[in-house]
Amino acid sequence: MVGRVIGGQKLISRLCSGGMGVVYRAMDTLLGRPTAVKMLRPELCGNRELVQRFFNEARAASAIRQLGRMPLMLSSTRGPEA
């Protein structure tokens, strides 16, 4: 995945992974600013409950306003294979 551009975000390096997904250090190709991209593991995408939980987490994270924290932007709900 590193090196691919997904939703205008170029994946630079893999930061970490967990039970639900993988987080990548990325660069916004339009604005030229660093971002982080969290992607749900492909094998979990068919589980509606987990997908809903993933988006609930995204909504909760986007509500946090804190100095030094990157804003959350959701650009696509489809992976590169779609």
PDB file of N, CA and C in Angstrom:
ATOM      1  N   MET A   1       0.813  -1.203   0.000  1.00  0.00           N
ATOM      2  CA  MET A   1       0.000   0.000   0.000  1.00  0.00           C
ATOM      3  C   MET A   1       0.857   1.268   0.000  1.00  0.00           C
ATOM      4  N   VAL A   2       2.029   1.213   0.651  1.00  0.00           N
ATOM      5  CA  VAL A   2       2.898   2.389   0.696  1.00  0.00           C
ATOM      6  C   VAL A   2       3.236   2.810  -0.730  1.00  0.00           C
ATOM      7  N   GLY A   3       3.132   4.116  -0.980  1.00  0.00           N
ATOM      8  CA  GLY A   3       3.381   4.666  -2.306  1.00  0.00           C
ATOM      9  C   GLY A   3       2.119   4.901  -3.119  1.00  0.00           C
ATOM     10  N   ARG A   4       1.018   4.280  -2.739  1.00  0.00           N
ATOM     11  CA  ARG A   4      -0.246   4.462  -3.461  1.00  0.00           C
ATOM     12  C   ARG A   4      -0.918   5.758  -3.034  1.00  0.00           C
ATOM     13  N   VAL A   5      -1.734   6.296  -3.934  1.00  0.00           N
ATOM     14  CA  VAL A   5      -2.539   7.480  -3.630  1.00  0.00           C
ATOM     15  C   VAL A   5      -3.986   7.025  -3.515  1.00  0.00           C
ATOM     16  N   ILE A   6      -4.578   7.285  -2.360  1.00  0.00           N
ATOM     17  CA  ILE A   6      -5.960   6.874  -2.099  1.00  0.00           C
ATOM     18  C   ILE A   6      -6.725   8.094  -1.602  1.00  0.00           C
ATOM     19  N   GLY A   7      -7.749   8.490  -2.323  1.00  0.00           N
ATOM     20  CA  GLY A   7      -8.558   9.637  -1.918  1.00  0.00           C
ATOM     21  C   GLY A   7      -7.750  10.917  -1.775  1.00  0.00           C
ATOM     22  N   GLY A   8      -6.742  11.089  -2.621  1.00  0.00           N
ATOM     23  CA  GLY A   8      -5.923  12.289  -2.564  1.00  0.00           C
ATOM     24  C   GLY A   8      -4.846  12.262  -1.496  1.00  0.00           C
ATOM     25  N   GLN A   9      -4.661  11.112  -0.846  1.00  0.00           N
ATOM     26  CA  GLN A   9      -3.652  10.961   0.205  1.00  0.00           C
ATOM     27  C   GLN A   9      -2.597   9.963  -0.267  1.00  0.00           C
ATOM     28  N   LYS A  10      -1.337  10.412  -0.372  1.00  0.00           N
ATOM     29  CA  LYS A  10      -0.262   9.503  -0.754  1.00  0.00           C
ATOM     30  C   LYS A  10       0.273   8.835   0.500  1.00  0.00           C
ATOM     31  N   LEU A  11       0.214   7.506   0.529  1.00  0.00           N
ATOM     32  CA  LEU A  11       0.663   6.742   1.689  1.00  0.00           C
ATOM     33  C   LEU A  11       2.183   6.702   1.698  1.00  0.00           C
ATOM     34  N   ILE A  12       2.776   7.242   2.764  1.00  0.00           N
ATOM     35  CA  ILE A  12       4.227   7.380   2.878  1.00  0.00           C
ATOM     36  C   ILE A  12       4.853   6.189   3.611  1.00  0.00           C
ATOM     37  N   SER A  13       4.288   5.845   4.747  1.00  0.00           N
ATOM     38  CA  SER A  13       4.811   4.717   5.527  1.00  0.00           C
ATOM     39  C   SER A  13       3.723   4.178   6.443  1.00  0.00           C
ATOM     40  N   ARG A  14       3.897   2.939   6.847  1.00  0.00           N
ATOM     41  CA  ARG A  14       2.955   2.309   7.781  1.00  0.00           C
ATOM     42  C   ARG A  14       3.354   2.707   9.189  1.00  0.00           C
ATOM     43  N   LEU A  15       2.401   3.270   9.941  1.00  0.00           N
ATOM     44  CA  LEU A  15       2.682   3.691  11.315  1.00  0.00           C
ATOM     45  C   LEU A  15       2.405   2.589  12.317  1.00  0.00           C
ATOM     46  N   CYS A  16       1.208   2.006  12.233  1.00  0.00           N
ATOM     47  CA  CYS A  16       0.839   0.965  13.195  1.00  0.00           C
ATOM     48  C   CYS A  16      -0.373   0.203  12.671  1.00  0.00           C
ATOM     49  N   SER A  17      -0.661  -0.896  13.332  1.00  0.00           N
ATOM     50  CA  SER A  17      -1.846  -1.666  12.972  1.00  0.00           C
ATOM     51  C   SER A  17      -2.465  -2.214  14.245  1.00  0.00           C
ATOM     52  N   GLY A  18      -3.752  -2.497  14.140  1.00  0.00           N
ATOM     53  CA  GLY A  18      -4.482  -3.028  15.274  1.00  0.00           C
ATOM     54  C   GLY A  18      -5.497  -4.041  14.794  1.00  0.00           C
ATOM     55  N   GLY A  19      -6.421  -4.357  15.650  1.00  0.00           N
ATOM     56  CA  GLY A  19      -7.420  -5.363  15.327  1.00  0.00           C
ATOM     57  C   GLY A  19      -8.348  -4.990  14.189  1.00  0.00           C
ATOM     58  N   MET A  20      -8.645  -3.696  14.045  1.00  0.00           N
ATOM     59  CA  MET A  20      -9.597  -3.269  13.011  1.00  0.00           C
ATOM     60  C   MET A  20      -8.948  -2.723  11.761  1.00  0.00           C
ATOM     61  N   GLY A  21      -7.727  -2.203  11.868  1.00  0.00           N
ATOM     62  CA  GLY A  21      -7.171  -1.576  10.690  1.00  0.00           C
ATOM     63  C   GLY A  21      -5.705  -1.251  10.797  1.00  0.00           C
ATOM     64  N   VAL A  22      -5.252  -0.509   9.791  1.00  0.00           N
ATOM     65  CA  VAL A  22      -3.859  -0.099   9.670  1.00  0.00           C
ATOM     66  C   VAL A  22      -3.833   1.416   9.518  1.00  0.00           C
ATOM     67  N   VAL A  23      -2.868   2.068  10.170  1.00  0.00           N
ATOM     68  CA  VAL A  23      -2.718   3.515  10.069  1.00  0.00           C
ATOM     69  C   VAL A  23      -1.431   3.812   9.302  1.00  0.00           C
ATOM     70  N   TYR A  24      -1.560   4.706   8.320  1.00  0.00           N
ATOM     71  CA  TYR A  24      -0.420   5.103   7.494  1.00  0.00           C
ATOM     72  C   TYR A  24      -0.126   6.583   7.675  1.00  0.00           C
ATOM     73  N   ARG A  25       1.156   6.925   7.650  1.00  0.00           N
ATOM     74  CA  ARG A  25       1.570   8.320   7.525  1.00  0.00           C
ATOM     75  C   ARG A  25       1.378   8.650   6.052  1.00  0.00           C
ATOM     76  N   ALA A  26       0.758   9.810   5.779  1.00  0.00           N
ATOM     77  CA  ALA A  26       0.437  10.148   4.403  1.00  0.00           C
ATOM     78  C   ALA A  26       0.665  11.636   4.152  1.00  0.00           C
ATOM     79  N   MET A  27       0.540  12.011   2.878  1.00  0.00           N
ATOM     80  CA  MET A  27       0.667  13.408   2.478  1.00  0.00           C
ATOM     81  C   MET A  27      -0.531  13.745   1.596  1.00  0.00           C
ATOM     82  N   ASP A  28      -1.221  14.831   1.960  1.00  0.00           N
ATOM     83  CA  ASP A  28      -2.338  15.319   1.159  1.00  0.00           C
ATOM     84  C   ASP A  28      -1.750  15.851  -0.146  1.00  0.00           C
ATOM     85  N   THR A  29      -2.098  15.237  -1.276  1.00  0.00           N
ATOM     86  CA  THR A  29      -1.496  15.610  -2.554  1.00  0.00           C
ATOM     87  C   THR A  29      -1.957  16.972  -3.056  1.00  0.00           C
ATOM     88  N   LEU A  30      -3.099  17.448  -2.610  1.00  0.00           N
ATOM     89  CA  LEU A  30      -3.603  18.745  -3.036  1.00  0.00           C
ATOM     90  C   LEU A  30      -3.049  19.875  -2.164  1.00  0.00           C
ATOM     91  N   LEU A  31      -3.088  19.681  -0.849  1.00  0.00           N
ATOM     92  CA  LEU A  31      -2.689  20.736   0.073  1.00  0.00           C
ATOM     93  C   LEU A  31      -1.233  20.654   0.516  1.00  0.00           C
ATOM     94  N   GLY A  32      -0.575  19.518   0.261  1.00  0.00           N
ATOM     95  CA  GLY A  32       0.819  19.361   0.619  1.00  0.00           C
ATOM     96  C   GLY A  32       1.085  19.315   2.111  1.00  0.00           C
ATOM     97  N   ARG A  33       0.125  18.835   2.874  1.00  0.00           N
ATOM     98  CA  ARG A  33       0.322  18.760   4.324  1.00  0.00           C
ATOM     99  C   ARG A  33       0.270  17.309   4.783  1.00  0.00           C
ATOM    100  N   PRO A  34       0.974  17.027   5.898  1.00  0.00           N
ATOM    101  CA  PRO A  34       0.984  15.651   6.397  1.00  0.00           C
ATOM    102  C   PRO A  34      -0.378  15.254   6.963  1.00  0.00           C
ATOM    103  N   THR A  35      -0.723  14.015   6.761  1.00  0.00           N
ATOM    104  CA  THR A  35      -1.978  13.475   7.278  1.00  0.00           C
ATOM    105  C   THR A  35      -1.725  12.057   7.784  1.00  0.00           C
ATOM    106  N   ALA A  36      -2.729  11.487   8.372  1.00  0.00           N
ATOM    107  CA  ALA A  36      -2.706  10.075   8.743  1.00  0.00           C
ATOM    108  C   ALA A  36      -3.956   9.442   8.130  1.00  0.00           C
ATOM    109  N   VAL A  37      -3.794   8.239   7.624  1.00  0.00           N
ATOM    110  CA  VAL A  37      -4.910   7.527   6.996  1.00  0.00           C
ATOM    111  C   VAL A  37      -5.093   6.202   7.724  1.00  0.00           C
ATOM    112  N   LYS A  38      -6.294   5.978   8.233  1.00  0.00           N
ATOM    113  CA  LYS A  38      -6.617   4.697   8.855  1.00  0.00           C
ATOM    114  C   LYS A  38      -7.534   3.944   7.914  1.00  0.00           C
ATOM    115  N   MET A  39      -7.171   2.719   7.637  1.00  0.00           N
ATOM    116  CA  MET A  39      -7.946   1.890   6.722  1.00  0.00           C
ATOM    117  C   MET A  39      -8.424   0.641   7.445  1.00  0.00           C
ATOM    118  N   LEU A  40      -9.708   0.357   7.268  1.00  0.00           N
ATOM    119  CA  LEU A  40     -10.291  -0.857   7.835  1.00  0.00           C
ATOM    120  C   LEU A  40      -9.732  -2.062   7.079  1.00  0.00           C
ATOM    121  N   ARG A  41      -9.395  -3.105   7.810  1.00  0.00           N
ATOM    122  CA  ARG A  41      -8.879  -4.320   7.167  1.00  0.00           C
ATOM    123  C   ARG A  41      -9.917  -4.852   6.177  1.00  0.00           C
ATOM    124  N   PRO A  42      -9.481  -5.233   4.963  1.00  0.00           N
ATOM    125  CA  PRO A  42     -10.407  -5.689   3.920  1.00  0.00           C
ATOM    126  C   PRO A  42     -11.314  -6.837   4.367  1.00  0.00           C
ATOM    127  N   GLU A  43     -10.780  -7.752   5.160  1.00  0.00           N
ATOM    128  CA  GLU A  43     -11.581  -8.911   5.575  1.00  0.00           C
ATOM    129  C   GLU A  43     -12.696  -8.537   6.537  1.00  0.00           C
ATOM    130  N   LEU A  44     -12.669  -7.313   7.072  1.00  0.00           N
ATOM    131  CA  LEU A  44     -13.711  -6.862   8.000  1.00  0.00           C
ATOM    132  C   LEU A  44     -14.782  -6.014   7.322  1.00  0.00           C
ATOM    133  N   CYS A  45     -14.565  -5.636   6.081  1.00  0.00           N
ATOM    134  CA  CYS A  45     -15.474  -4.712   5.396  1.00  0.00           C
ATOM    135  C   CYS A  45     -16.877  -5.279   5.173  1.00  0.00           C
ATOM    136  N   GLY A  46     -17.028  -6.577   5.194  1.00  0.00           N
ATOM    137  CA  GLY A  46     -18.345  -7.185   5.023  1.00  0.00           C
ATOM    138  C   GLY A  46     -19.160  -7.248   6.302  1.00  0.00           C
ATOM    139  N   ASN A  47     -18.553  -6.904   7.416  1.00  0.00           N
ATOM    140  CA  ASN A  47     -19.223  -6.951   8.716  1.00  0.00           C
ATOM    141  C   ASN A  47     -19.814  -5.570   9.005  1.00  0.00           C
ATOM    142  N   ARG A  48     -21.128  -5.441   8.828  1.00  0.00           N
ATOM    143  CA  ARG A  48     -21.786  -4.133   8.989  1.00  0.00           C
ATOM    144  C   ARG A  48     -21.547  -3.505  10.362  1.00  0.00           C
ATOM    145  N   GLU A  49     -21.561  -4.336  11.396  1.00  0.00           N
ATOM    146  CA  GLU A  49     -21.368  -3.821  12.754  1.00  0.00           C
ATOM    147  C   GLU A  49     -19.973  -3.200  12.915  1.00  0.00           C
ATOM    148  N   LEU A  50     -18.950  -3.865  12.387  1.00  0.00           N
ATOM    149  CA  LEU A  50     -17.590  -3.334  12.488  1.00  0.00           C
ATOM    150  C   LEU A  50     -17.399  -2.088  11.625  1.00  0.00           C
ATOM    151  N   VAL A  51     -18.028  -2.081  10.450  1.00  0.00           N
ATOM    152  CA  VAL A  51     -17.941  -0.897   9.589  1.00  0.00           C
ATOM    153  C   VAL A  51     -18.599   0.289  10.298  1.00  0.00           C
ATOM    154  N   GLN A  52     -19.749   0.066  10.920  1.00  0.00           N
ATOM    155  CA  GLN A  52     -20.430   1.130  11.659  1.00  0.00           C
ATOM    156  C   GLN A  52     -19.567   1.625  12.812  1.00  0.00           C
ATOM    157  N   ARG A  53     -18.918   0.700  13.511  1.00  0.00           N
ATOM    158  CA  ARG A  53     -18.032   1.070  14.610  1.00  0.00           C
ATOM    159  C   ARG A  53     -16.837   1.899  14.115  1.00  0.00           C
ATOM    160  N   PHE A  54     -16.318   1.529  12.963  1.00  0.00           N
ATOM    161  CA  PHE A  54     -15.207   2.262  12.348  1.00  0.00           C
ATOM    162  C   PHE A  54     -15.619   3.712  12.066  1.00  0.00           C
ATOM    163  N   PHE A  55     -16.819   3.909  11.489  1.00  0.00           N
ATOM    164  CA  PHE A  55     -17.296   5.262  11.201  1.00  0.00           C
ATOM    165  C   PHE A  55     -17.676   6.019  12.477  1.00  0.00           C
ATOM    166  N   ASN A  56     -18.190   5.323  13.475  1.00  0.00           N
ATOM    167  CA  ASN A  56     -18.463   5.979  14.765  1.00  0.00           C
ATOM    168  C   ASN A  56     -17.172   6.506  15.376  1.00  0.00           C
ATOM    169  N   GLU A  57     -16.118   5.710  15.297  1.00  0.00           N
ATOM    170  CA  GLU A  57     -14.813   6.143  15.794  1.00  0.00           C
ATOM    171  C   GLU A  57     -14.324   7.379  15.027  1.00  0.00           C
ATOM    172  N   ALA A  58     -14.523   7.371  13.717  1.00  0.00           N
ATOM    173  CA  ALA A  58     -14.110   8.518  12.894  1.00  0.00           C
ATOM    174  C   ALA A  58     -14.881   9.778  13.281  1.00  0.00           C
ATOM    175  N   ARG A  59     -16.185   9.639  13.520  1.00  0.00           N
ATOM    176  CA  ARG A  59     -16.993  10.798  13.934  1.00  0.00           C
ATOM    177  C   ARG A  59     -16.533  11.325  15.285  1.00  0.00           C
ATOM    178  N   ALA A  60     -16.251  10.428  16.209  1.00  0.00           N
ATOM    179  CA  ALA A  60     -15.794  10.846  17.536  1.00  0.00           C
ATOM    180  C   ALA A  60     -14.435  11.545  17.437  1.00  0.00           C
ATOM    181  N   ALA A  61     -13.535  11.003  16.647  1.00  0.00           N
ATOM    182  CA  ALA A  61     -12.205  11.607  16.494  1.00  0.00           C
ATOM    183  C   ALA A  61     -12.290  12.971  15.818  1.00  0.00           C
ATOM    184  N   SER A  62     -13.203  13.124  14.874  1.00  0.00           N
ATOM    185  CA  SER A  62     -13.318  14.409  14.166  1.00  0.00           C
ATOM    186  C   SER A  62     -13.888  15.508  15.059  1.00  0.00           C
ATOM    187  N   ALA A  63     -14.532  15.129  16.150  1.00  0.00           N
ATOM    188  CA  ALA A  63     -15.114  16.117  17.059  1.00  0.00           C
ATOM    189  C   ALA A  63     -14.070  16.727  17.996  1.00  0.00           C
ATOM    190  N   ILE A  64     -12.894  16.094  18.076  1.00  0.00           N
ATOM    191  CA  ILE A  64     -11.840  16.579  18.970  1.00  0.00           C
ATOM    192  C   ILE A  64     -11.085  17.717  18.299  1.00  0.00           C
ATOM    193  N   ARG A  65     -11.030  18.847  18.965  1.00  0.00           N
ATOM    194  CA  ARG A  65     -10.265  19.999  18.482  1.00  0.00           C
ATOM    195  C   ARG A  65      -9.128  20.228  19.459  1.00  0.00           C
ATOM    196  N   GLN A  66      -7.906  19.986  19.016  1.00  0.00           N
ATOM    197  CA  GLN A  66      -6.766  20.088  19.921  1.00  0.00           C
ATOM    198  C   GLN A  66      -5.543  20.547  19.133  1.00  0.00           C
ATOM    199  N   LEU A  67      -4.765  21.441  19.716  1.00  0.00           N
ATOM    200  CA  LEU A  67      -3.540  21.922  19.107  1.00  0.00           C
ATOM    201  C   LEU A  67      -2.588  20.754  18.875  1.00  0.00           C
ATOM    202  N   GLY A  68      -2.021  20.685  17.703  1.00  0.00           N
ATOM    203  CA  GLY A  68      -1.073  19.622  17.397  1.00  0.00           C
ATOM    204  C   GLY A  68      -1.715  18.363  16.855  1.00  0.00           C
ATOM    205  N   ARG A  69      -3.023  18.332  16.773  1.00  0.00           N
ATOM    206  CA  ARG A  69      -3.730  17.161  16.247  1.00  0.00           C
ATOM    207  C   ARG A  69      -4.209  17.454  14.845  1.00  0.00           C
ATOM    208  N   MET A  70      -3.986  16.527  13.943  1.00  0.00           N
ATOM    209  CA  MET A  70      -4.423  16.708  12.564  1.00  0.00           C
ATOM    210  C   MET A  70      -5.932  16.559  12.463  1.00  0.00           C
ATOM    211  N   PRO A  71      -6.576  17.377  11.644  1.00  0.00           N
ATOM    212  CA  PRO A  71      -8.015  17.197  11.440  1.00  0.00           C
ATOM    213  C   PRO A  71      -8.283  15.904  10.680  1.00  0.00           C
ATOM    214  N   LEU A  72      -9.412  15.308  10.955  1.00  0.00           N
ATOM    215  CA  LEU A  72      -9.803  14.077  10.285  1.00  0.00           C
ATOM    216  C   LEU A  72     -10.610  14.427   9.050  1.00  0.00           C
ATOM    217  N   MET A  73     -10.236  13.817   7.934  1.00  0.00           N
ATOM    218  CA  MET A  73     -10.982  14.029   6.691  1.00  0.00           C
ATOM    219  C   MET A  73     -11.318  12.657   6.119  1.00  0.00           C
ATOM    220  N   LEU A  74     -12.551  12.438   5.805  1.00  0.00           N
ATOM    221  CA  LEU A  74     -12.990  11.198   5.182  1.00  0.00           C
ATOM    222  C   LEU A  74     -13.184  11.486   3.711  1.00  0.00           C
ATOM    223  N   SER A  75     -12.348  10.883   2.876  1.00  0.00           N
ATOM    224  CA  SER A  75     -12.439  11.205   1.461  1.00  0.00           C
ATOM    225  C   SER A  75     -13.078  10.100   0.642  1.00  0.00           C
ATOM    226  N   SER A  76     -13.098   8.880   1.171  1.00  0.00           N
ATOM    227  CA  SER A  76     -13.649   7.785   0.390  1.00  0.00           C
ATOM    228  C   SER A  76     -14.036   6.641   1.309  1.00  0.00           C
ATOM    229  N   THR A  77     -15.045   5.914   0.928  1.00  0.00           N
ATOM    230  CA  THR A  77     -15.421   4.731   1.675  1.00  0.00           C
ATOM    231  C   THR A  77     -15.050   3.472   0.891  1.00  0.00           C
ATOM    232  N   ARG A  78     -14.356   3.667  -0.225  1.00  0.00           N
ATOM    233  CA  ARG A  78     -13.983   2.546  -1.076  1.00  0.00           C
ATOM    234  C   ARG A  78     -12.476   2.435  -1.140  1.00  0.00           C
ATOM    235  N   GLY A  79     -11.998   1.205  -1.176  1.00  0.00           N
ATOM    236  CA  GLY A  79     -10.571   0.969  -1.259  1.00  0.00           C
ATOM    237  C   GLY A  79     -10.053   1.082  -2.677  1.00  0.00           C
ATOM    238  N   PRO A  80      -8.760   0.882  -2.881  1.00  0.00           N
ATOM    239  CA  PRO A  80      -8.164   1.031  -4.199  1.00  0.00           C
ATOM    240  C   PRO A  80      -8.634  -0.018  -5.207  1.00  0.00           C
ATOM    241  N   GLU A  81      -9.159  -1.146  -4.708  1.00  0.00           N
ATOM    242  CA  GLU A  81      -9.650  -2.187  -5.622  1.00  0.00           C
ATOM    243  C   GLU A  81     -11.010  -1.843  -6.208  1.00  0.00           C
ATOM    244  N   ALA A  82     -11.724  -0.908  -5.604  1.00  0.00           N
ATOM    245  CA  ALA A  82     -13.095  -0.582  -6.032  1.00  0.00           C
ATOM    246  C   ALA A  82     -13.089   0.245  -7.294  1.00  0.00           C
TER     247      ALA A  82
END
